[in-house]
């Protein structure tokens, strides 16, 4: 495209960009139509019903049921169309496809730090292949940021202490801008970066030449050993704390009979705030690792826990039993007698 040409929208470079633009165009046209209609009617009525003499008095009108129904029903119908259309886009953007390529992004004053599953790390750059669904898991080390790529028509708040997700499928190769769309401090305007959308072969070559020292899960395993976590979280379930094998994505029974899902946020909380949710049948003996593990380190530990799920050795697609279902757990004998499902619920430290 000619660099001197005037464009009203950024380039459409993702699968959802056209849908977002269509909704925006509809809102603009509806607003323009009613603005012109109302302004025209004001001028028309001002001229038609102007007072022509001092003796000219208006005739009072009492009610107009049809008119009132009309100007209530039409705006309601338009509003419902906008709501349904916008909700459809929202639900699409908030549900990453199952086959998405996962990438971790951490915001920090004033930069974007990126980790690929293969171990490649970037700052203020994001390399991805064209035509693939990309899922970003985002968090912040300090204040609220917002990861925004105008050409993809997607943006998401990046909140400290929480994981949020954003996904897109790039449809064109090229370089696209990353912006922080949330004021985050004095250098907010400088918190920018670039997305490089590449052909799959070029992306594979970029990964190969990146010099990554092990995948995220491998780094997480090394950190797991370094911190001494393996001492208590033994794979056979005989340690002082629950085994982590097969934990990720499973329900976890905690004290007071509550059940939570072992997702990335749960694992992060278990590392940094281990007393927040104590697994039923275990003592609150795990220390906090705040100040000892960086945000990137927590993400690597999450990927390691993901990677040690039960493996399929039958060839039929069914996972092998978790060590929790066969090994003994300290302090859970009474639970096994009263709640048979308790032996299949993996826990945390």
C-alpha atoms as a PDB file:
ATOM      1  CA  UNK A   1       0.000   0.000   0.000  1.00  0.00           C
ATOM      2  CA  UNK A   2       1.217   3.512  -0.844  1.00  0.00           C
ATOM      3  CA  UNK A   3       2.662   5.038   2.323  1.00  0.00           C
ATOM      4  CA  UNK A   4       1.147   8.404   1.347  1.00  0.00           C
ATOM      5  CA  UNK A   5      -2.399   7.096   1.052  1.00  0.00           C
ATOM      6  CA  UNK A   6      -4.908   7.952   3.758  1.00  0.00           C
ATOM      7  CA  UNK A   7      -6.409   4.998   5.641  1.00  0.00           C
ATOM      8  CA  UNK A   8      -9.244   5.168   8.136  1.00  0.00           C
ATOM      9  CA  UNK A   9      -8.435   1.774   9.705  1.00  0.00           C
ATOM     10  CA  UNK A  10      -5.181  -0.041  10.451  1.00  0.00           C
ATOM     11  CA  UNK A  11      -4.388  -2.922   8.125  1.00  0.00           C
ATOM     12  CA  UNK A  12      -6.432  -6.063   8.713  1.00  0.00           C
ATOM     13  CA  UNK A  13      -3.883  -8.721   9.622  1.00  0.00           C
ATOM     14  CA  UNK A  14      -5.813 -11.253  11.725  1.00  0.00           C
ATOM     15  CA  UNK A  15      -8.789 -13.552  11.260  1.00  0.00           C
ATOM     16  CA  UNK A  16     -11.030 -11.438  13.496  1.00  0.00           C
ATOM     17  CA  UNK A  17     -10.015  -7.985  12.269  1.00  0.00           C
ATOM     18  CA  UNK A  18     -12.708  -7.858   9.562  1.00  0.00           C
ATOM     19  CA  UNK A  19     -15.468  -8.761  12.039  1.00  0.00           C
ATOM     20  CA  UNK A  20     -14.379  -6.044  14.460  1.00  0.00           C
ATOM     21  CA  UNK A  21     -14.215  -3.473  11.655  1.00  0.00           C
ATOM     22  CA  UNK A  22     -17.693  -4.423  10.425  1.00  0.00           C
ATOM     23  CA  UNK A  23     -19.173  -3.820  13.878  1.00  0.00           C
ATOM     24  CA  UNK A  24     -17.320  -0.528  14.197  1.00  0.00           C
ATOM     25  CA  UNK A  25     -18.510   0.569  10.737  1.00  0.00           C
ATOM     26  CA  UNK A  26     -22.080  -0.330  11.692  1.00  0.00           C
ATOM     27  CA  UNK A  27     -21.805   1.798  14.852  1.00  0.00           C
ATOM     28  CA  UNK A  28     -20.425   4.726  12.848  1.00  0.00           C
ATOM     29  CA  UNK A  29     -23.180   4.504  10.216  1.00  0.00           C
ATOM     30  CA  UNK A  30     -25.936   4.196  12.833  1.00  0.00           C
ATOM     31  CA  UNK A  31     -24.533   7.182  14.739  1.00  0.00           C
ATOM     32  CA  UNK A  32     -24.188   9.255  11.546  1.00  0.00           C
ATOM     33  CA  UNK A  33     -27.697   8.340  10.339  1.00  0.00           C
ATOM     34  CA  UNK A  34     -29.447   9.311  13.561  1.00  0.00           C
ATOM     35  CA  UNK A  35     -27.289  12.403  14.052  1.00  0.00           C
ATOM     36  CA  UNK A  36     -28.284  13.684  10.591  1.00  0.00           C
ATOM     37  CA  UNK A  37     -31.900  12.585  11.069  1.00  0.00           C
ATOM     38  CA  UNK A  38     -32.261  14.361  14.421  1.00  0.00           C
ATOM     39  CA  UNK A  39     -30.472  17.505  13.220  1.00  0.00           C
ATOM     40  CA  UNK A  40     -32.631  17.571  10.070  1.00  0.00           C
ATOM     41  CA  UNK A  41     -35.849  17.141  12.027  1.00  0.00           C
ATOM     42  CA  UNK A  42     -34.867  19.912  14.446  1.00  0.00           C
ATOM     43  CA  UNK A  43     -34.305  22.317  11.547  1.00  0.00           C
ATOM     44  CA  UNK A  44     -37.469  21.154   9.744  1.00  0.00           C
ATOM     45  CA  UNK A  45     -39.712  21.504  12.799  1.00  0.00           C
ATOM     46  CA  UNK A  46     -38.108  24.819  13.772  1.00  0.00           C
ATOM     47  CA  UNK A  47     -39.044  26.227  10.362  1.00  0.00           C
ATOM     48  CA  UNK A  48     -42.433  24.538   9.951  1.00  0.00           C
ATOM     49  CA  UNK A  49     -43.768  25.318  13.415  1.00  0.00           C
ATOM     50  CA  UNK A  50     -42.127  28.666  13.951  1.00  0.00           C
ATOM     51  CA  UNK A  51     -44.269  31.343  15.586  1.00  0.00           C
ATOM     52  CA  UNK A  52     -45.490  33.658  12.832  1.00  0.00           C
ATOM     53  CA  UNK A  53     -47.186  36.334  14.977  1.00  0.00           C
ATOM     54  CA  UNK A  54     -47.744  37.327  18.569  1.00  0.00           C
ATOM     55  CA  UNK A  55     -51.281  35.969  18.381  1.00  0.00           C
ATOM     56  CA  UNK A  56     -50.129  32.575  17.050  1.00  0.00           C
ATOM     57  CA  UNK A  57     -50.342  30.198  20.001  1.00  0.00           C
ATOM     58  CA  UNK A  58     -49.490  26.474  19.777  1.00  0.00           C
ATOM     59  CA  UNK A  59     -52.197  23.881  20.335  1.00  0.00           C
ATOM     60  CA  UNK A  60     -51.318  21.662  23.303  1.00  0.00           C
ATOM     61  CA  UNK A  61     -50.932  17.961  22.387  1.00  0.00           C
ATOM     62  CA  UNK A  62     -51.609  15.295  24.994  1.00  0.00           C
ATOM     63  CA  UNK A  63     -49.907  11.984  24.292  1.00  0.00           C
ATOM     64  CA  UNK A  64     -48.983  10.117  21.150  1.00  0.00           C
ATOM     65  CA  UNK A  65     -48.976   6.412  21.921  1.00  0.00           C
ATOM     66  CA  UNK A  66     -47.865   5.230  18.477  1.00  0.00           C
ATOM     67  CA  UNK A  67     -45.024   7.765  18.366  1.00  0.00           C
ATOM     68  CA  UNK A  68     -43.825   6.844  21.849  1.00  0.00           C
ATOM     69  CA  UNK A  69     -43.874   3.111  21.037  1.00  0.00           C
ATOM     70  CA  UNK A  70     -41.980   3.751  17.801  1.00  0.00           C
ATOM     71  CA  UNK A  71     -39.169   5.775  19.346  1.00  0.00           C
ATOM     72  CA  UNK A  72     -38.840   3.184  22.133  1.00  0.00           C
ATOM     73  CA  UNK A  73     -38.958  -0.032  20.093  1.00  0.00           C
ATOM     74  CA  UNK A  74     -36.586   1.055  17.293  1.00  0.00           C
ATOM     75  CA  UNK A  75     -33.705   2.122  19.603  1.00  0.00           C
ATOM     76  CA  UNK A  76     -34.254  -1.014  21.695  1.00  0.00           C
ATOM     77  CA  UNK A  77     -33.985  -3.216  18.602  1.00  0.00           C
ATOM     78  CA  UNK A  78     -30.831  -1.456  17.422  1.00  0.00           C
ATOM     79  CA  UNK A  79     -29.296  -1.709  20.901  1.00  0.00           C
ATOM     80  CA  UNK A  80     -30.008  -5.463  21.047  1.00  0.00           C
ATOM     81  CA  UNK A  81     -28.398  -5.975  17.634  1.00  0.00           C
ATOM     82  CA  UNK A  82     -25.277  -4.118  18.823  1.00  0.00           C
ATOM     83  CA  UNK A  83     -25.258  -6.109  22.072  1.00  0.00           C
ATOM     84  CA  UNK A  84     -25.592  -9.502  20.360  1.00  0.00           C
ATOM     85  CA  UNK A  85     -22.999  -8.635  17.720  1.00  0.00           C
ATOM     86  CA  UNK A  86     -20.509  -7.306  20.276  1.00  0.00           C
ATOM     87  CA  UNK A  87     -21.091 -10.248  22.635  1.00  0.00           C
ATOM     88  CA  UNK A  88     -20.423 -12.685  19.796  1.00  0.00           C
ATOM     89  CA  UNK A  89     -17.067 -11.028  19.074  1.00  0.00           C
ATOM     90  CA  UNK A  90     -16.233 -10.903  22.786  1.00  0.00           C
ATOM     91  CA  UNK A  91     -16.900 -14.615  23.300  1.00  0.00           C
ATOM     92  CA  UNK A  92     -14.853 -15.466  20.216  1.00  0.00           C
ATOM     93  CA  UNK A  93     -11.914 -13.361  21.403  1.00  0.00           C
ATOM     94  CA  UNK A  94     -12.078 -14.679  24.974  1.00  0.00           C
ATOM     95  CA  UNK A  95     -11.950 -18.395  24.061  1.00  0.00           C
ATOM     96  CA  UNK A  96      -8.607 -19.421  22.554  1.00  0.00           C
ATOM     97  CA  UNK A  97      -8.845 -22.496  20.302  1.00  0.00           C
ATOM     98  CA  UNK A  98      -7.503 -25.724  21.778  1.00  0.00           C
ATOM     99  CA  UNK A  99      -4.773 -25.998  19.138  1.00  0.00           C
ATOM    100  CA  UNK A 100      -3.316 -22.547  19.876  1.00  0.00           C
ATOM    101  CA  UNK A 101       0.435 -22.026  20.106  1.00  0.00           C
ATOM    102  CA  UNK A 102       1.060 -20.792  23.649  1.00  0.00           C
ATOM    103  CA  UNK A 103       3.408 -17.902  24.431  1.00  0.00           C
ATOM    104  CA  UNK A 104       3.996 -16.129  27.758  1.00  0.00           C
ATOM    105  CA  UNK A 105       4.202 -12.328  27.921  1.00  0.00           C
ATOM    106  CA  UNK A 106       5.239 -10.292  30.969  1.00  0.00           C
ATOM    107  CA  UNK A 107       4.790  -6.532  31.131  1.00  0.00           C
ATOM    108  CA  UNK A 108       7.249  -4.432  33.087  1.00  0.00           C
ATOM    109  CA  UNK A 109       7.921  -0.711  33.204  1.00  0.00           C
ATOM    110  CA  UNK A 110       8.607  -0.200  30.355  1.00  0.00           C
ATOM    111  CA  UNK A 111       9.076  -3.284  28.228  1.00  0.00           C
ATOM    112  CA  UNK A 112       7.450  -6.519  27.068  1.00  0.00           C
ATOM    113  CA  UNK A 113       9.239  -9.775  27.948  1.00  0.00           C
ATOM    114  CA  UNK A 114       8.284 -12.823  25.883  1.00  0.00           C
ATOM    115  CA  UNK A 115       8.922 -16.533  26.470  1.00  0.00           C
ATOM    116  CA  UNK A 116       8.251 -19.214  23.836  1.00  0.00           C
ATOM    117  CA  UNK A 117       7.580 -22.820  24.831  1.00  0.00           C
ATOM    118  CA  UNK A 118      10.732 -23.893  22.996  1.00  0.00           C
ATOM    119  CA  UNK A 119      12.788 -21.642  25.267  1.00  0.00           C
ATOM    120  CA  UNK A 120      13.380 -18.675  22.991  1.00  0.00           C
ATOM    121  CA  UNK A 121      13.121 -15.348  24.846  1.00  0.00           C
ATOM    122  CA  UNK A 122      12.532 -11.855  23.472  1.00  0.00           C
ATOM    123  CA  UNK A 123      12.187  -8.289  24.681  1.00  0.00           C
ATOM    124  CA  UNK A 124       9.788  -5.923  22.883  1.00  0.00           C
ATOM    125  CA  UNK A 125       9.562  -8.365  19.980  1.00  0.00           C
ATOM    126  CA  UNK A 126       7.261 -11.273  19.192  1.00  0.00           C
ATOM    127  CA  UNK A 127       7.989 -13.682  16.348  1.00  0.00           C
ATOM    128  CA  UNK A 128       5.092 -15.909  15.276  1.00  0.00           C
ATOM    129  CA  UNK A 129       4.135 -18.001  12.221  1.00  0.00           C
ATOM    130  CA  UNK A 130       1.373 -16.894   9.881  1.00  0.00           C
ATOM    131  CA  UNK A 131      -1.858 -18.910   9.843  1.00  0.00           C
ATOM    132  CA  UNK A 132      -1.452 -20.327  13.368  1.00  0.00           C
ATOM    133  CA  UNK A 133      -3.712 -19.625  16.331  1.00  0.00           C
ATOM    134  CA  UNK A 134      -1.582 -17.816  18.908  1.00  0.00           C
ATOM    135  CA  UNK A 135      -2.528 -17.712  22.592  1.00  0.00           C
ATOM    136  CA  UNK A 136      -0.767 -15.187  24.809  1.00  0.00           C
ATOM    137  CA  UNK A 137      -0.816 -15.644  28.580  1.00  0.00           C
ATOM    138  CA  UNK A 138      -0.073 -12.246  30.076  1.00  0.00           C
ATOM    139  CA  UNK A 139       0.862 -10.875  33.464  1.00  0.00           C
ATOM    140  CA  UNK A 140       2.627  -7.840  34.902  1.00  0.00           C
ATOM    141  CA  UNK A 141       5.504  -7.384  37.326  1.00  0.00           C
ATOM    142  CA  UNK A 142       4.454  -3.944  38.546  1.00  0.00           C
ATOM    143  CA  UNK A 143       1.400  -1.970  37.353  1.00  0.00           C
ATOM    144  CA  UNK A 144      -1.480  -2.516  34.941  1.00  0.00           C
ATOM    145  CA  UNK A 145      -0.415  -2.557  31.299  1.00  0.00           C
ATOM    146  CA  UNK A 146      -2.378  -3.371  28.149  1.00  0.00           C
ATOM    147  CA  UNK A 147      -1.086  -5.460  25.241  1.00  0.00           C
ATOM    148  CA  UNK A 148      -2.487  -3.982  22.036  1.00  0.00           C
ATOM    149  CA  UNK A 149      -1.797  -4.811  18.383  1.00  0.00           C
ATOM    150  CA  UNK A 150      -4.040  -2.553  16.242  1.00  0.00           C
ATOM    151  CA  UNK A 151      -3.676  -4.635  13.060  1.00  0.00           C
ATOM    152  CA  UNK A 152      -4.970  -7.708  14.913  1.00  0.00           C
ATOM    153  CA  UNK A 153      -7.864  -5.783  16.577  1.00  0.00           C
ATOM    154  CA  UNK A 154      -7.091  -7.441  19.897  1.00  0.00           C
ATOM    155  CA  UNK A 155      -5.984  -6.033  23.229  1.00  0.00           C
ATOM    156  CA  UNK A 156      -6.045  -7.226  26.807  1.00  0.00           C
ATOM    157  CA  UNK A 157      -5.286  -5.750  30.215  1.00  0.00           C
ATOM    158  CA  UNK A 158      -2.077  -7.086  31.764  1.00  0.00           C
ATOM    159  CA  UNK A 159      -2.676  -7.168  35.513  1.00  0.00           C
ATOM    160  CA  UNK A 160      -0.105  -7.818  38.275  1.00  0.00           C
ATOM    161  CA  UNK A 161      -0.801 -10.985  40.223  1.00  0.00           C
ATOM    162  CA  UNK A 162      -3.162 -12.400  37.589  1.00  0.00           C
ATOM    163  CA  UNK A 163      -3.005 -14.241  34.295  1.00  0.00           C
ATOM    164  CA  UNK A 164      -5.082 -12.959  31.392  1.00  0.00           C
ATOM    165  CA  UNK A 165      -5.237 -14.384  27.891  1.00  0.00           C
ATOM    166  CA  UNK A 166      -5.382 -12.934  24.402  1.00  0.00           C
ATOM    167  CA  UNK A 167      -5.436 -14.841  21.133  1.00  0.00           C
ATOM    168  CA  UNK A 168      -5.371 -14.138  17.420  1.00  0.00           C
ATOM    169  CA  UNK A 169      -4.603 -15.841  14.113  1.00  0.00           C
ATOM    170  CA  UNK A 170      -2.363 -13.691  11.907  1.00  0.00           C
ATOM    171  CA  UNK A 171      -3.292 -13.834   8.243  1.00  0.00           C
ATOM    172  CA  UNK A 172      -0.513 -11.732   6.694  1.00  0.00           C
ATOM    173  CA  UNK A 173       3.229 -11.755   7.068  1.00  0.00           C
ATOM    174  CA  UNK A 174       4.906  -8.511   8.039  1.00  0.00           C
ATOM    175  CA  UNK A 175       5.864  -6.301  10.945  1.00  0.00           C
ATOM    176  CA  UNK A 176       3.147  -4.890  13.223  1.00  0.00           C
ATOM    177  CA  UNK A 177       3.321  -2.546  16.191  1.00  0.00           C
ATOM    178  CA  UNK A 178       2.766  -3.476  19.840  1.00  0.00           C
ATOM    179  CA  UNK A 179       1.474  -0.714  22.086  1.00  0.00           C
ATOM    180  CA  UNK A 180       0.678  -0.415  25.774  1.00  0.00           C
ATOM    181  CA  UNK A 181      -2.885   0.912  25.821  1.00  0.00           C
ATOM    182  CA  UNK A 182      -2.995   1.598  29.577  1.00  0.00           C
ATOM    183  CA  UNK A 183      -1.155   4.546  31.126  1.00  0.00           C
ATOM    184  CA  UNK A 184       1.579   2.883  33.160  1.00  0.00           C
ATOM    185  CA  UNK A 185       3.978   5.656  34.143  1.00  0.00           C
ATOM    186  CA  UNK A 186       6.247   8.371  32.826  1.00  0.00           C
ATOM    187  CA  UNK A 187       7.600   6.309  29.921  1.00  0.00           C
ATOM    188  CA  UNK A 188       4.262   4.807  28.931  1.00  0.00           C
ATOM    189  CA  UNK A 189       4.533   6.138  25.376  1.00  0.00           C
ATOM    190  CA  UNK A 190       7.857   4.345  24.970  1.00  0.00           C
ATOM    191  CA  UNK A 191       6.495   0.922  25.913  1.00  0.00           C
ATOM    192  CA  UNK A 192       6.266  -0.302  22.348  1.00  0.00           C
ATOM    193  CA  UNK A 193       7.404  -3.336  20.398  1.00  0.00           C
ATOM    194  CA  UNK A 194       6.915  -5.241  17.185  1.00  0.00           C
ATOM    195  CA  UNK A 195       5.220  -8.442  16.076  1.00  0.00           C
ATOM    196  CA  UNK A 196       6.987 -10.243  13.238  1.00  0.00           C
ATOM    197  CA  UNK A 197       4.623 -12.569  11.381  1.00  0.00           C
ATOM    198  CA  UNK A 198       6.679 -15.072   9.414  1.00  0.00           C
ATOM    199  CA  UNK A 199       6.194 -17.976   7.063  1.00  0.00           C
ATOM    200  CA  UNK A 200       6.203 -21.280   9.029  1.00  0.00           C
ATOM    201  CA  UNK A 201       9.543 -22.361   7.544  1.00  0.00           C
ATOM    202  CA  UNK A 202      11.141 -19.014   8.395  1.00  0.00           C
ATOM    203  CA  UNK A 203       9.722 -19.193  11.915  1.00  0.00           C
ATOM    204  CA  UNK A 204      11.116 -22.715  12.401  1.00  0.00           C
ATOM    205  CA  UNK A 205      14.530 -21.475  11.266  1.00  0.00           C
ATOM    206  CA  UNK A 206      14.269 -18.498  13.634  1.00  0.00           C
ATOM    207  CA  UNK A 207      13.571 -20.857  16.537  1.00  0.00           C
ATOM    208  CA  UNK A 208      16.479 -23.094  15.573  1.00  0.00           C
ATOM    209  CA  UNK A 209      18.903 -20.193  15.400  1.00  0.00           C
ATOM    210  CA  UNK A 210      17.637 -18.551  18.568  1.00  0.00           C
ATOM    211  CA  UNK A 211      20.166 -20.165  20.885  1.00  0.00           C
ATOM    212  CA  UNK A 212      17.587 -21.151  23.501  1.00  0.00           C
ATOM    213  CA  UNK A 213      19.037 -23.050  26.460  1.00  0.00           C
ATOM    214  CA  UNK A 214      16.285 -25.612  26.942  1.00  0.00           C
ATOM    215  CA  UNK A 215      12.500 -25.354  26.730  1.00  0.00           C
ATOM    216  CA  UNK A 216      10.375 -23.613  29.334  1.00  0.00           C
ATOM    217  CA  UNK A 217       9.417 -26.921  30.936  1.00  0.00           C
ATOM    218  CA  UNK A 218      13.085 -27.999  31.081  1.00  0.00           C
ATOM    219  CA  UNK A 219      14.035 -24.723  32.744  1.00  0.00           C
ATOM    220  CA  UNK A 220      11.122 -25.203  35.101  1.00  0.00           C
ATOM    221  CA  UNK A 221      12.359 -28.670  36.017  1.00  0.00           C
ATOM    222  CA  UNK A 222      15.843 -27.318  36.740  1.00  0.00           C
ATOM    223  CA  UNK A 223      14.337 -24.588  38.933  1.00  0.00           C
ATOM    224  CA  UNK A 224      12.148 -27.188  40.647  1.00  0.00           C
ATOM    225  CA  UNK A 225      15.268 -29.139  41.595  1.00  0.00           C
ATOM    226  CA  UNK A 226      17.232 -26.018  42.540  1.00  0.00           C
ATOM    227  CA  UNK A 227      14.574 -24.816  44.965  1.00  0.00           C
ATOM    228  CA  UNK A 228      14.378 -28.228  46.615  1.00  0.00           C
ATOM    229  CA  UNK A 229      10.719 -28.742  45.723  1.00  0.00           C
ATOM    230  CA  UNK A 230      11.395 -32.377  44.781  1.00  0.00           C
ATOM    231  CA  UNK A 231      12.165 -33.154  48.439  1.00  0.00           C
ATOM    232  CA  UNK A 232       8.514 -32.834  49.452  1.00  0.00           C
ATOM    233  CA  UNK A 233       6.681 -33.231  46.131  1.00  0.00           C
ATOM    234  CA  UNK A 234       7.768 -36.767  45.328  1.00  0.00           C
ATOM    235  CA  UNK A 235       6.437 -38.376  42.164  1.00  0.00           C
ATOM    236  CA  UNK A 236       5.349 -41.563  43.970  1.00  0.00           C
ATOM    237  CA  UNK A 237       3.107 -39.629  46.375  1.00  0.00           C
ATOM    238  CA  UNK A 238       5.103 -40.590  49.480  1.00  0.00           C
ATOM    239  CA  UNK A 239       6.421 -37.103  50.235  1.00  0.00           C
ATOM    240  CA  UNK A 240       5.207 -34.676  52.869  1.00  0.00           C
ATOM    241  CA  UNK A 241       3.330 -32.772  50.173  1.00  0.00           C
ATOM    242  CA  UNK A 242       1.089 -33.957  47.317  1.00  0.00           C
ATOM    243  CA  UNK A 243       2.633 -35.223  44.122  1.00  0.00           C
ATOM    244  CA  UNK A 244       2.373 -32.871  41.167  1.00  0.00           C
ATOM    245  CA  UNK A 245       2.170 -35.631  38.561  1.00  0.00           C
ATOM    246  CA  UNK A 246      -1.079 -35.218  36.633  1.00  0.00           C
ATOM    247  CA  UNK A 247      -2.019 -32.140  38.637  1.00  0.00           C
ATOM    248  CA  UNK A 248      -2.540 -29.509  35.952  1.00  0.00           C
ATOM    249  CA  UNK A 249      -6.144 -28.934  34.911  1.00  0.00           C
ATOM    250  CA  UNK A 250      -7.570 -31.289  37.542  1.00  0.00           C
ATOM    251  CA  UNK A 251      -9.870 -30.483  40.483  1.00  0.00           C
ATOM    252  CA  UNK A 252      -8.138 -30.093  43.833  1.00  0.00           C
ATOM    253  CA  UNK A 253      -9.892 -30.571  47.155  1.00  0.00           C
ATOM    254  CA  UNK A 254      -8.711 -28.027  49.691  1.00  0.00           C
ATOM    255  CA  UNK A 255      -9.538 -27.526  53.342  1.00  0.00           C
ATOM    256  CA  UNK A 256     -13.126 -26.834  54.411  1.00  0.00           C
ATOM    257  CA  UNK A 257     -14.450 -29.013  51.594  1.00  0.00           C
ATOM    258  CA  UNK A 258     -13.848 -26.591  48.748  1.00  0.00           C
ATOM    259  CA  UNK A 259     -12.698 -27.691  45.295  1.00  0.00           C
ATOM    260  CA  UNK A 260     -10.594 -25.543  42.969  1.00  0.00           C
ATOM    261  CA  UNK A 261      -9.152 -26.088  39.505  1.00  0.00           C
ATOM    262  CA  UNK A 262      -5.406 -26.540  39.222  1.00  0.00           C
ATOM    263  CA  UNK A 263      -4.811 -23.987  36.483  1.00  0.00           C
ATOM    264  CA  UNK A 264      -1.882 -21.629  35.961  1.00  0.00           C
ATOM    265  CA  UNK A 265      -3.251 -19.080  38.448  1.00  0.00           C
ATOM    266  CA  UNK A 266      -3.610 -21.762  41.130  1.00  0.00           C
ATOM    267  CA  UNK A 267      -0.033 -22.949  40.663  1.00  0.00           C
ATOM    268  CA  UNK A 268       1.266 -19.379  40.767  1.00  0.00           C
ATOM    269  CA  UNK A 269      -0.621 -18.737  43.987  1.00  0.00           C
ATOM    270  CA  UNK A 270       0.705 -21.990  45.450  1.00  0.00           C
ATOM    271  CA  UNK A 271       4.282 -20.871  44.797  1.00  0.00           C
ATOM    272  CA  UNK A 272       3.998 -17.301  46.045  1.00  0.00           C
ATOM    273  CA  UNK A 273       1.171 -17.599  48.608  1.00  0.00           C
ATOM    274  CA  UNK A 274       1.215 -21.275  49.695  1.00  0.00           C
ATOM    275  CA  UNK A 275      -1.000 -20.709  52.744  1.00  0.00           C
ATOM    276  CA  UNK A 276      -3.887 -19.334  50.670  1.00  0.00           C
ATOM    277  CA  UNK A 277      -5.293 -22.744  49.722  1.00  0.00           C
ATOM    278  CA  UNK A 278      -4.158 -25.760  51.741  1.00  0.00           C
ATOM    279  CA  UNK A 279      -4.858 -29.147  50.193  1.00  0.00           C
ATOM    280  CA  UNK A 280      -7.138 -31.298  52.322  1.00  0.00           C
ATOM    281  CA  UNK A 281      -5.193 -33.807  54.399  1.00  0.00           C
ATOM    282  CA  UNK A 282      -1.881 -31.913  54.353  1.00  0.00           C
ATOM    283  CA  UNK A 283      -0.184 -29.582  56.789  1.00  0.00           C
ATOM    284  CA  UNK A 284       0.597 -25.936  55.872  1.00  0.00           C
ATOM    285  CA  UNK A 285       4.358 -26.495  55.828  1.00  0.00           C
ATOM    286  CA  UNK A 286       5.318 -25.023  52.464  1.00  0.00           C
ATOM    287  CA  UNK A 287       7.280 -21.746  52.637  1.00  0.00           C
ATOM    288  CA  UNK A 288       6.656 -18.865  50.283  1.00  0.00           C
ATOM    289  CA  UNK A 289       9.005 -18.309  47.349  1.00  0.00           C
ATOM    290  CA  UNK A 290       8.282 -14.619  46.987  1.00  0.00           C
ATOM    291  CA  UNK A 291      11.488 -12.778  46.182  1.00  0.00           C
ATOM    292  CA  UNK A 292      13.225 -16.032  45.235  1.00  0.00           C
ATOM    293  CA  UNK A 293      11.458 -16.723  41.939  1.00  0.00           C
ATOM    294  CA  UNK A 294      10.958 -14.170  39.179  1.00  0.00           C
ATOM    295  CA  UNK A 295       7.724 -13.902  37.225  1.00  0.00           C
ATOM    296  CA  UNK A 296       9.398 -15.719  34.339  1.00  0.00           C
ATOM    297  CA  UNK A 297      10.547 -18.417  36.758  1.00  0.00           C
ATOM    298  CA  UNK A 298       6.985 -18.930  37.965  1.00  0.00           C
ATOM    299  CA  UNK A 299       5.889 -19.347  34.347  1.00  0.00           C
ATOM    300  CA  UNK A 300       8.596 -21.950  33.785  1.00  0.00           C
ATOM    301  CA  UNK A 301       7.453 -23.854  36.870  1.00  0.00           C
ATOM    302  CA  UNK A 302       3.877 -23.761  35.571  1.00  0.00           C
ATOM    303  CA  UNK A 303       5.035 -25.268  32.263  1.00  0.00           C
ATOM    304  CA  UNK A 304       6.983 -27.933  34.118  1.00  0.00           C
ATOM    305  CA  UNK A 305       3.905 -28.923  36.128  1.00  0.00           C
ATOM    306  CA  UNK A 306       1.964 -29.071  32.855  1.00  0.00           C
ATOM    307  CA  UNK A 307       4.567 -31.379  31.353  1.00  0.00           C
ATOM    308  CA  UNK A 308       4.470 -34.026  34.099  1.00  0.00           C
ATOM    309  CA  UNK A 309       0.920 -35.138  33.505  1.00  0.00           C
ATOM    310  CA  UNK A 310       0.108 -38.840  33.261  1.00  0.00           C
ATOM    311  CA  UNK A 311       1.417 -40.488  30.115  1.00  0.00           C
ATOM    312  CA  UNK A 312      -0.539 -42.815  27.824  1.00  0.00           C
ATOM    313  CA  UNK A 313       1.222 -46.186  27.773  1.00  0.00           C
ATOM    314  CA  UNK A 314      -1.757 -48.303  26.665  1.00  0.00           C
ATOM    315  CA  UNK A 315      -2.033 -46.980  23.127  1.00  0.00           C
ATOM    316  CA  UNK A 316      -5.767 -46.492  23.647  1.00  0.00           C
ATOM    317  CA  UNK A 317      -5.625 -42.844  24.606  1.00  0.00           C
ATOM    318  CA  UNK A 318      -6.380 -43.348  28.287  1.00  0.00           C
ATOM    319  CA  UNK A 319      -3.931 -41.817  30.771  1.00  0.00           C
ATOM    320  CA  UNK A 320      -2.093 -44.023  33.215  1.00  0.00           C
ATOM    321  CA  UNK A 321      -3.176 -43.717  36.839  1.00  0.00           C
ATOM    322  CA  UNK A 322      -1.600 -40.914  38.808  1.00  0.00           C
ATOM    323  CA  UNK A 323       0.682 -41.995  41.660  1.00  0.00           C
ATOM    324  CA  UNK A 324      -1.940 -40.477  43.940  1.00  0.00           C
ATOM    325  CA  UNK A 325      -4.321 -43.284  43.102  1.00  0.00           C
ATOM    326  CA  UNK A 326      -1.912 -46.029  44.153  1.00  0.00           C
ATOM    327  CA  UNK A 327       0.575 -44.482  46.599  1.00  0.00           C
ATOM    328  CA  UNK A 328      -0.155 -43.501  50.168  1.00  0.00           C
ATOM    329  CA  UNK A 329      -0.722 -39.933  51.217  1.00  0.00           C
ATOM    330  CA  UNK A 330       0.041 -38.675  54.702  1.00  0.00           C
ATOM    331  CA  UNK A 331      -3.015 -37.714  56.671  1.00  0.00           C
ATOM    332  CA  UNK A 332      -5.586 -38.961  54.134  1.00  0.00           C
ATOM    333  CA  UNK A 333      -6.539 -42.370  55.449  1.00  0.00           C
ATOM    334  CA  UNK A 334      -9.760 -41.060  56.966  1.00  0.00           C
ATOM    335  CA  UNK A 335     -10.585 -39.271  53.726  1.00  0.00           C
ATOM    336  CA  UNK A 336     -10.229 -42.510  51.764  1.00  0.00           C
ATOM    337  CA  UNK A 337     -12.690 -44.167  54.066  1.00  0.00           C
ATOM    338  CA  UNK A 338     -15.266 -41.375  53.958  1.00  0.00           C
ATOM    339  CA  UNK A 339     -14.667 -39.893  50.510  1.00  0.00           C
ATOM    340  CA  UNK A 340     -13.426 -42.354  47.861  1.00  0.00           C
ATOM    341  CA  UNK A 341     -12.875 -39.544  45.353  1.00  0.00           C
ATOM    342  CA  UNK A 342     -10.300 -37.898  47.599  1.00  0.00           C
ATOM    343  CA  UNK A 343      -7.588 -40.375  46.523  1.00  0.00           C
ATOM    344  CA  UNK A 344      -7.870 -39.267  42.909  1.00  0.00           C
ATOM    345  CA  UNK A 345      -7.626 -35.561  43.578  1.00  0.00           C
ATOM    346  CA  UNK A 346      -4.099 -34.243  43.074  1.00  0.00           C
ATOM    347  CA  UNK A 347      -2.998 -31.417  45.301  1.00  0.00           C
ATOM    348  CA  UNK A 348      -0.297 -28.862  45.822  1.00  0.00           C
ATOM    349  CA  UNK A 349       2.451 -28.086  48.261  1.00  0.00           C
END
